[in-house]
Amino acid sequence: MIKTNTPKEFEDLYSASRSLNENNDCTVKAVALVCGVTYQEAHAEMKRRGRKDRQGAFAWQYKAAVEHFGKRIITRTANEFISQYPGIHKTLSHVTSHHPRRFPGVFSKDKVYLLRSRGHVLAVIGGEVKDWSINKSLRIIDIWEVV
């Protein structure tokens, strides 16, 4: 499989993250991406919600931050996506971070999603993973559509 470059949007957030000496901030980057705000705005809001610098965040914290920026979160199931996969792939039992690229068109081009795997949160915008995990197969635990 051909490797895909990390998206520019994510690279820009990564640079902003480094300038604040941050790490363990995938939720901050994901919130910034799905809400269309700067890294600094997302970082400040997550901090206001109780996220400590250089530490992860709880789901309630980043969901509240998304809602603060005027978005709504709708829970989706893996089966909603897997049922659209072609042929034998409909028998898969999990969605992974690789699936938006592997099955183009299943993750709608006009929708925005937050995906949560064990220990990581990423954004899917316009059917594309906007994260370092674009070439990985992280098993997705939760799928939230951001509207």
N, C-alpha and C. Protein backbone atom coordinates (compact mmCIF):
# COMPACT_ATOMS: atom_id res chain seq x y z
N MET A 1 0.85 -1.18 0.00
CA MET A 1 0.00 0.00 0.00
C MET A 1 0.89 1.24 0.00
N ILE A 2 0.54 2.20 -0.80
CA ILE A 2 1.28 3.46 -0.89
C ILE A 2 0.99 4.30 0.35
N LYS A 3 2.04 4.83 0.93
CA LYS A 3 1.89 5.69 2.11
C LYS A 3 1.35 7.06 1.69
N THR A 4 0.46 7.58 2.50
CA THR A 4 -0.10 8.91 2.29
C THR A 4 0.61 9.88 3.22
N ASN A 5 0.93 11.05 2.70
CA ASN A 5 1.58 12.07 3.54
C ASN A 5 0.60 12.57 4.59
N THR A 6 1.15 12.97 5.74
CA THR A 6 0.34 13.56 6.78
C THR A 6 -0.26 14.86 6.23
N PRO A 7 -1.56 15.07 6.41
CA PRO A 7 -2.21 16.27 5.86
C PRO A 7 -1.60 17.57 6.40
N LYS A 8 -1.56 18.58 5.54
CA LYS A 8 -1.00 19.88 5.90
C LYS A 8 -1.71 20.48 7.11
N GLU A 9 -3.03 20.34 7.17
CA GLU A 9 -3.79 20.88 8.30
C GLU A 9 -3.26 20.33 9.63
N PHE A 10 -2.94 19.03 9.62
CA PHE A 10 -2.43 18.41 10.84
C PHE A 10 -1.00 18.88 11.11
N GLU A 11 -0.19 18.98 10.07
CA GLU A 11 1.19 19.46 10.24
C GLU A 11 1.22 20.85 10.86
N ASP A 12 0.30 21.72 10.43
CA ASP A 12 0.22 23.07 10.98
C ASP A 12 -0.13 23.03 12.47
N LEU A 13 -1.06 22.15 12.84
CA LEU A 13 -1.43 22.01 14.24
C LEU A 13 -0.28 21.43 15.06
N TYR A 14 0.44 20.52 14.45
CA TYR A 14 1.59 19.91 15.12
C TYR A 14 2.63 21.00 15.44
N SER A 15 2.88 21.90 14.50
CA SER A 15 3.82 23.01 14.72
C SER A 15 3.35 23.91 15.86
N ALA A 16 2.06 24.21 15.87
CA ALA A 16 1.51 25.04 16.95
C ALA A 16 1.65 24.33 18.29
N SER A 17 1.44 23.04 18.29
CA SER A 17 1.57 22.22 19.49
C SER A 17 3.00 22.26 20.03
N ARG A 18 3.97 22.12 19.14
CA ARG A 18 5.39 22.15 19.53
C ARG A 18 5.75 23.51 20.10
N SER A 19 5.18 24.57 19.56
CA SER A 19 5.51 25.92 20.04
C SER A 19 5.04 26.12 21.49
N LEU A 20 4.06 25.34 21.93
CA LEU A 20 3.59 25.41 23.31
C LEU A 20 4.17 24.28 24.16
N ASN A 21 5.16 23.56 23.60
CA ASN A 21 5.80 22.44 24.29
C ASN A 21 4.77 21.39 24.72
N GLU A 22 3.79 21.11 23.84
CA GLU A 22 2.72 20.18 24.14
C GLU A 22 3.00 18.79 23.58
N ASN A 23 2.38 17.81 24.19
CA ASN A 23 2.27 16.46 23.65
C ASN A 23 1.04 15.83 24.29
N ASN A 24 0.71 14.61 23.90
CA ASN A 24 -0.53 13.97 24.37
C ASN A 24 -1.74 14.88 24.14
N ASP A 25 -1.75 15.57 23.01
CA ASP A 25 -2.78 16.57 22.73
C ASP A 25 -3.59 16.27 21.49
N CYS A 26 -3.78 14.99 21.20
CA CYS A 26 -4.55 14.63 20.02
C CYS A 26 -5.97 15.20 20.07
N THR A 27 -6.55 15.27 21.27
CA THR A 27 -7.90 15.81 21.38
C THR A 27 -7.94 17.29 21.05
N VAL A 28 -6.91 18.02 21.43
CA VAL A 28 -6.84 19.45 21.11
C VAL A 28 -6.80 19.63 19.59
N LYS A 29 -5.94 18.85 18.93
CA LYS A 29 -5.83 18.94 17.47
C LYS A 29 -7.14 18.54 16.80
N ALA A 30 -7.76 17.46 17.28
CA ALA A 30 -9.01 17.00 16.69
C ALA A 30 -10.12 18.04 16.86
N VAL A 31 -10.21 18.64 18.04
CA VAL A 31 -11.21 19.68 18.28
C VAL A 31 -10.97 20.87 17.35
N ALA A 32 -9.72 21.30 17.23
CA ALA A 32 -9.39 22.42 16.33
C ALA A 32 -9.83 22.10 14.90
N LEU A 33 -9.55 20.89 14.44
CA LEU A 33 -9.88 20.50 13.07
C LEU A 33 -11.39 20.44 12.84
N VAL A 34 -12.13 19.75 13.70
CA VAL A 34 -13.56 19.57 13.45
C VAL A 34 -14.36 20.84 13.69
N CYS A 35 -13.81 21.77 14.49
CA CYS A 35 -14.52 23.02 14.77
C CYS A 35 -14.04 24.18 13.91
N GLY A 36 -12.95 23.99 13.18
CA GLY A 36 -12.43 25.05 12.34
C GLY A 36 -11.87 26.22 13.13
N VAL A 37 -11.24 25.91 14.27
CA VAL A 37 -10.63 26.96 15.09
C VAL A 37 -9.12 26.73 15.14
N THR A 38 -8.40 27.69 15.68
CA THR A 38 -6.95 27.55 15.77
C THR A 38 -6.58 26.58 16.89
N TYR A 39 -5.35 26.12 16.84
CA TYR A 39 -4.85 25.25 17.90
C TYR A 39 -4.93 25.96 19.24
N GLN A 40 -4.54 27.24 19.25
CA GLN A 40 -4.52 28.01 20.49
C GLN A 40 -5.93 28.14 21.09
N GLU A 41 -6.94 28.36 20.24
CA GLU A 41 -8.32 28.46 20.73
C GLU A 41 -8.78 27.12 21.31
N ALA A 42 -8.51 26.03 20.60
CA ALA A 42 -8.90 24.71 21.08
C ALA A 42 -8.16 24.37 22.37
N HIS A 43 -6.87 24.71 22.43
CA HIS A 43 -6.05 24.44 23.61
C HIS A 43 -6.61 25.18 24.83
N ALA A 44 -6.94 26.45 24.66
CA ALA A 44 -7.47 27.25 25.76
C ALA A 44 -8.81 26.69 26.24
N GLU A 45 -9.66 26.30 25.32
CA GLU A 45 -10.97 25.75 25.71
C GLU A 45 -10.83 24.42 26.41
N MET A 46 -9.93 23.58 25.92
CA MET A 46 -9.70 22.28 26.57
C MET A 46 -9.12 22.49 27.97
N LYS A 47 -8.26 23.48 28.12
CA LYS A 47 -7.69 23.79 29.44
C LYS A 47 -8.81 24.27 30.37
N ARG A 48 -9.69 25.09 29.84
CA ARG A 48 -10.84 25.57 30.62
C ARG A 48 -11.73 24.41 31.07
N ARG A 49 -11.76 23.36 30.26
CA ARG A 49 -12.56 22.16 30.58
C ARG A 49 -11.83 21.19 31.50
N GLY A 50 -10.59 21.53 31.90
CA GLY A 50 -9.88 20.71 32.86
C GLY A 50 -8.72 19.89 32.31
N ARG A 51 -8.46 19.98 31.00
CA ARG A 51 -7.31 19.25 30.46
C ARG A 51 -6.03 19.91 30.95
N LYS A 52 -5.13 19.10 31.47
CA LYS A 52 -3.84 19.61 31.93
C LYS A 52 -2.83 19.54 30.78
N ASP A 53 -1.92 20.50 30.73
CA ASP A 53 -0.89 20.51 29.68
C ASP A 53 -0.14 19.18 29.65
N ARG A 54 0.16 18.73 28.45
CA ARG A 54 0.93 17.51 28.18
C ARG A 54 0.27 16.25 28.74
N GLN A 55 -1.06 16.30 28.88
CA GLN A 55 -1.82 15.11 29.30
C GLN A 55 -3.03 14.94 28.39
N GLY A 56 -3.54 13.74 28.36
CA GLY A 56 -4.73 13.45 27.55
C GLY A 56 -5.96 14.12 28.13
N ALA A 57 -7.10 13.81 27.53
CA ALA A 57 -8.36 14.39 27.97
C ALA A 57 -9.44 13.32 28.01
N PHE A 58 -10.45 13.57 28.79
CA PHE A 58 -11.60 12.69 28.85
C PHE A 58 -12.58 13.05 27.74
N ALA A 59 -13.39 12.08 27.35
CA ALA A 59 -14.37 12.31 26.27
C ALA A 59 -15.30 13.47 26.61
N TRP A 60 -15.75 13.57 27.85
CA TRP A 60 -16.67 14.65 28.19
C TRP A 60 -16.01 16.01 27.99
N GLN A 61 -14.68 16.10 28.17
CA GLN A 61 -13.99 17.38 28.01
C GLN A 61 -13.95 17.82 26.55
N TYR A 62 -13.57 16.91 25.66
CA TYR A 62 -13.49 17.35 24.26
C TYR A 62 -14.85 17.45 23.61
N LYS A 63 -15.81 16.67 24.06
CA LYS A 63 -17.16 16.82 23.54
C LYS A 63 -17.75 18.17 23.97
N ALA A 64 -17.51 18.57 25.22
CA ALA A 64 -17.98 19.87 25.71
C ALA A 64 -17.29 21.01 24.96
N ALA A 65 -16.01 20.84 24.64
CA ALA A 65 -15.29 21.87 23.88
C ALA A 65 -15.87 22.01 22.48
N VAL A 66 -16.18 20.89 21.84
CA VAL A 66 -16.80 20.93 20.51
C VAL A 66 -18.12 21.68 20.58
N GLU A 67 -18.93 21.38 21.58
CA GLU A 67 -20.22 22.07 21.73
C GLU A 67 -20.04 23.56 22.04
N HIS A 68 -18.98 23.89 22.80
CA HIS A 68 -18.69 25.29 23.08
C HIS A 68 -18.47 26.08 21.78
N PHE A 69 -17.86 25.44 20.80
CA PHE A 69 -17.58 26.10 19.52
C PHE A 69 -18.77 26.04 18.57
N GLY A 70 -19.95 25.70 19.09
CA GLY A 70 -21.19 25.78 18.32
C GLY A 70 -21.52 24.55 17.49
N LYS A 71 -20.89 23.45 17.77
CA LYS A 71 -21.16 22.22 17.02
C LYS A 71 -21.95 21.26 17.90
N ARG A 72 -22.58 20.30 17.24
CA ARG A 72 -23.33 19.26 17.92
C ARG A 72 -22.71 17.92 17.58
N ILE A 73 -22.78 16.98 18.51
CA ILE A 73 -22.18 15.66 18.31
C ILE A 73 -23.29 14.61 18.24
N ILE A 74 -23.24 13.81 17.18
CA ILE A 74 -24.20 12.72 17.00
C ILE A 74 -23.42 11.40 17.01
N THR A 75 -23.81 10.49 17.87
CA THR A 75 -23.15 9.19 17.95
C THR A 75 -23.55 8.34 16.76
N ARG A 76 -22.58 7.74 16.12
CA ARG A 76 -22.81 6.82 15.00
C ARG A 76 -22.28 5.45 15.38
N THR A 77 -22.80 4.42 14.73
CA THR A 77 -22.32 3.06 15.01
C THR A 77 -21.41 2.59 13.89
N ALA A 78 -20.54 1.65 14.23
CA ALA A 78 -19.65 1.07 13.22
C ALA A 78 -20.46 0.42 12.10
N ASN A 79 -21.57 -0.20 12.45
CA ASN A 79 -22.39 -0.89 11.43
C ASN A 79 -22.95 0.05 10.37
N GLU A 80 -23.18 1.32 10.73
CA GLU A 80 -23.65 2.29 9.74
C GLU A 80 -22.64 2.44 8.60
N PHE A 81 -21.36 2.28 8.92
CA PHE A 81 -20.31 2.42 7.92
C PHE A 81 -19.99 1.07 7.27
N ILE A 82 -19.85 0.05 8.10
CA ILE A 82 -19.48 -1.28 7.58
C ILE A 82 -20.53 -1.78 6.59
N SER A 83 -21.80 -1.50 6.81
CA SER A 83 -22.86 -1.96 5.91
C SER A 83 -22.72 -1.36 4.50
N GLN A 84 -21.95 -0.27 4.38
CA GLN A 84 -21.74 0.36 3.07
C GLN A 84 -20.46 -0.12 2.38
N TYR A 85 -19.65 -0.92 3.08
CA TYR A 85 -18.40 -1.41 2.50
C TYR A 85 -18.73 -2.35 1.34
N PRO A 86 -17.88 -2.43 0.35
CA PRO A 86 -18.15 -3.29 -0.81
C PRO A 86 -17.93 -4.78 -0.50
N GLY A 87 -18.71 -5.62 -1.18
CA GLY A 87 -18.51 -7.07 -1.18
C GLY A 87 -18.31 -7.70 0.17
N ILE A 88 -17.30 -8.54 0.25
CA ILE A 88 -16.99 -9.33 1.44
C ILE A 88 -16.63 -8.45 2.64
N HIS A 89 -16.26 -7.21 2.39
CA HIS A 89 -15.86 -6.31 3.47
C HIS A 89 -17.03 -5.96 4.40
N LYS A 90 -18.26 -6.22 3.93
CA LYS A 90 -19.43 -5.99 4.78
C LYS A 90 -19.44 -6.91 6.01
N THR A 91 -18.59 -7.93 6.00
CA THR A 91 -18.53 -8.86 7.13
C THR A 91 -17.53 -8.42 8.20
N LEU A 92 -16.82 -7.32 7.98
CA LEU A 92 -15.88 -6.83 8.98
C LEU A 92 -16.62 -6.48 10.26
N SER A 93 -15.93 -6.59 11.37
CA SER A 93 -16.59 -6.30 12.65
C SER A 93 -16.15 -4.98 13.27
N HIS A 94 -15.12 -4.33 12.70
CA HIS A 94 -14.62 -3.08 13.26
C HIS A 94 -14.30 -2.08 12.15
N VAL A 95 -14.42 -0.82 12.50
CA VAL A 95 -13.93 0.27 11.65
C VAL A 95 -12.53 0.58 12.15
N THR A 96 -11.61 0.90 11.23
CA THR A 96 -10.28 1.32 11.63
C THR A 96 -9.98 2.70 11.05
N SER A 97 -8.90 3.30 11.51
CA SER A 97 -8.51 4.62 11.02
C SER A 97 -8.07 4.58 9.56
N HIS A 98 -7.86 3.39 9.04
CA HIS A 98 -7.46 3.21 7.64
C HIS A 98 -8.67 3.17 6.70
N HIS A 99 -9.85 2.87 7.21
CA HIS A 99 -11.02 2.66 6.38
C HIS A 99 -11.49 3.86 5.57
N PRO A 100 -11.40 5.10 6.07
CA PRO A 100 -11.81 6.21 5.19
C PRO A 100 -11.02 6.25 3.88
N ARG A 101 -9.76 5.87 3.93
CA ARG A 101 -8.94 5.85 2.70
C ARG A 101 -9.21 4.57 1.90
N ARG A 102 -9.40 3.47 2.60
CA ARG A 102 -9.60 2.18 1.94
C ARG A 102 -10.95 2.10 1.24
N PHE A 103 -11.96 2.71 1.84
CA PHE A 103 -13.32 2.66 1.29
C PHE A 103 -13.82 4.07 1.03
N PRO A 104 -13.28 4.73 0.00
CA PRO A 104 -13.68 6.12 -0.27
C PRO A 104 -15.18 6.20 -0.57
N GLY A 105 -15.80 7.22 -0.07
CA GLY A 105 -17.22 7.41 -0.30
C GLY A 105 -18.08 6.95 0.86
N VAL A 106 -17.57 6.05 1.69
CA VAL A 106 -18.35 5.58 2.83
C VAL A 106 -18.40 6.66 3.90
N PHE A 107 -17.28 7.30 4.17
CA PHE A 107 -17.25 8.45 5.06
C PHE A 107 -17.56 9.66 4.19
N SER A 108 -18.75 10.19 4.33
CA SER A 108 -19.27 11.23 3.44
C SER A 108 -18.32 12.40 3.28
N LYS A 109 -18.19 12.88 2.05
CA LYS A 109 -17.31 14.01 1.74
C LYS A 109 -17.82 15.32 2.34
N ASP A 110 -19.10 15.36 2.70
CA ASP A 110 -19.64 16.61 3.25
C ASP A 110 -19.92 16.52 4.76
N LYS A 111 -19.28 15.53 5.41
CA LYS A 111 -19.47 15.38 6.85
C LYS A 111 -18.14 15.40 7.59
N VAL A 112 -18.23 15.64 8.88
CA VAL A 112 -17.06 15.74 9.75
C VAL A 112 -17.26 14.74 10.89
N TYR A 113 -16.20 14.01 11.21
CA TYR A 113 -16.30 13.00 12.27
C TYR A 113 -15.13 13.11 13.24
N LEU A 114 -15.40 12.75 14.49
CA LEU A 114 -14.37 12.48 15.48
C LEU A 114 -14.37 10.98 15.69
N LEU A 115 -13.20 10.36 15.61
CA LEU A 115 -13.08 8.92 15.84
C LEU A 115 -12.19 8.72 17.06
N ARG A 116 -12.60 7.79 17.93
CA ARG A 116 -11.81 7.49 19.11
C ARG A 116 -11.37 6.04 19.08
N SER A 117 -10.07 5.86 19.23
CA SER A 117 -9.51 4.52 19.40
C SER A 117 -8.97 4.46 20.82
N ARG A 118 -8.40 3.36 21.19
CA ARG A 118 -7.83 3.25 22.53
C ARG A 118 -6.64 4.20 22.63
N GLY A 119 -6.79 5.25 23.42
CA GLY A 119 -5.70 6.19 23.65
C GLY A 119 -5.47 7.24 22.58
N HIS A 120 -6.41 7.38 21.63
CA HIS A 120 -6.20 8.37 20.58
C HIS A 120 -7.55 8.87 20.04
N VAL A 121 -7.57 10.14 19.61
CA VAL A 121 -8.73 10.74 18.96
C VAL A 121 -8.26 11.41 17.69
N LEU A 122 -9.01 11.23 16.61
CA LEU A 122 -8.62 11.82 15.33
C LEU A 122 -9.84 12.39 14.61
N ALA A 123 -9.57 13.24 13.65
CA ALA A 123 -10.62 13.88 12.86
C ALA A 123 -10.65 13.29 11.46
N VAL A 124 -11.87 13.12 10.94
CA VAL A 124 -12.08 12.76 9.54
C VAL A 124 -12.94 13.86 8.94
N ILE A 125 -12.38 14.54 7.95
CA ILE A 125 -13.06 15.68 7.33
C ILE A 125 -13.08 15.46 5.83
N GLY A 126 -14.25 15.57 5.24
CA GLY A 126 -14.36 15.37 3.80
C GLY A 126 -13.94 13.98 3.37
N GLY A 127 -14.14 13.00 4.22
CA GLY A 127 -13.79 11.62 3.90
C GLY A 127 -12.32 11.29 4.07
N GLU A 128 -11.53 12.25 4.59
CA GLU A 128 -10.09 12.05 4.75
C GLU A 128 -9.67 12.16 6.21
N VAL A 129 -8.77 11.25 6.61
CA VAL A 129 -8.21 11.30 7.95
C VAL A 129 -7.24 12.47 8.03
N LYS A 130 -7.44 13.34 8.99
CA LYS A 130 -6.57 14.51 9.19
C LYS A 130 -5.75 14.28 10.46
N ASP A 131 -4.78 13.35 10.37
CA ASP A 131 -4.07 12.93 11.56
C ASP A 131 -2.83 12.15 11.16
N TRP A 132 -1.89 11.99 12.09
CA TRP A 132 -0.70 11.17 11.85
C TRP A 132 -1.05 9.72 11.59
N SER A 133 -2.20 9.27 12.05
CA SER A 133 -2.60 7.86 11.93
C SER A 133 -3.17 7.51 10.56
N ILE A 134 -3.02 8.40 9.59
CA ILE A 134 -3.57 8.17 8.26
C ILE A 134 -3.10 6.86 7.63
N ASN A 135 -1.90 6.41 7.96
CA ASN A 135 -1.37 5.16 7.40
C ASN A 135 -1.43 4.00 8.39
N LYS A 136 -2.14 4.17 9.47
CA LYS A 136 -2.26 3.13 10.49
C LYS A 136 -3.65 2.49 10.43
N SER A 137 -3.80 1.44 11.19
CA SER A 137 -5.09 0.77 11.30
C SER A 137 -5.51 0.70 12.76
N LEU A 138 -5.77 1.86 13.34
CA LEU A 138 -6.22 1.90 14.72
C LEU A 138 -7.68 1.46 14.79
N ARG A 139 -7.99 0.53 15.68
CA ARG A 139 -9.37 0.06 15.81
C ARG A 139 -10.20 1.15 16.48
N ILE A 140 -11.26 1.56 15.82
CA ILE A 140 -12.10 2.65 16.31
C ILE A 140 -13.14 2.13 17.29
N ILE A 141 -13.23 2.80 18.43
CA ILE A 141 -14.16 2.43 19.48
C ILE A 141 -15.45 3.26 19.38
N ASP A 142 -15.29 4.57 19.13
CA ASP A 142 -16.44 5.48 19.04
C ASP A 142 -16.34 6.31 17.77
N ILE A 143 -17.49 6.55 17.16
CA ILE A 143 -17.59 7.41 15.99
C ILE A 143 -18.63 8.47 16.31
N TRP A 144 -18.20 9.74 16.21
CA TRP A 144 -19.13 10.84 16.43
C TRP A 144 -19.14 11.74 15.21
N GLU A 145 -20.33 12.02 14.70
CA GLU A 145 -20.47 12.98 13.62
C GLU A 145 -20.61 14.36 14.26
N VAL A 146 -19.87 15.33 13.72
CA VAL A 146 -19.89 16.69 14.24
C VAL A 146 -20.66 17.55 13.24
N VAL A 147 -21.77 18.15 13.71
CA VAL A 147 -22.60 18.97 12.81
C VAL A 147 -22.78 20.37 13.38
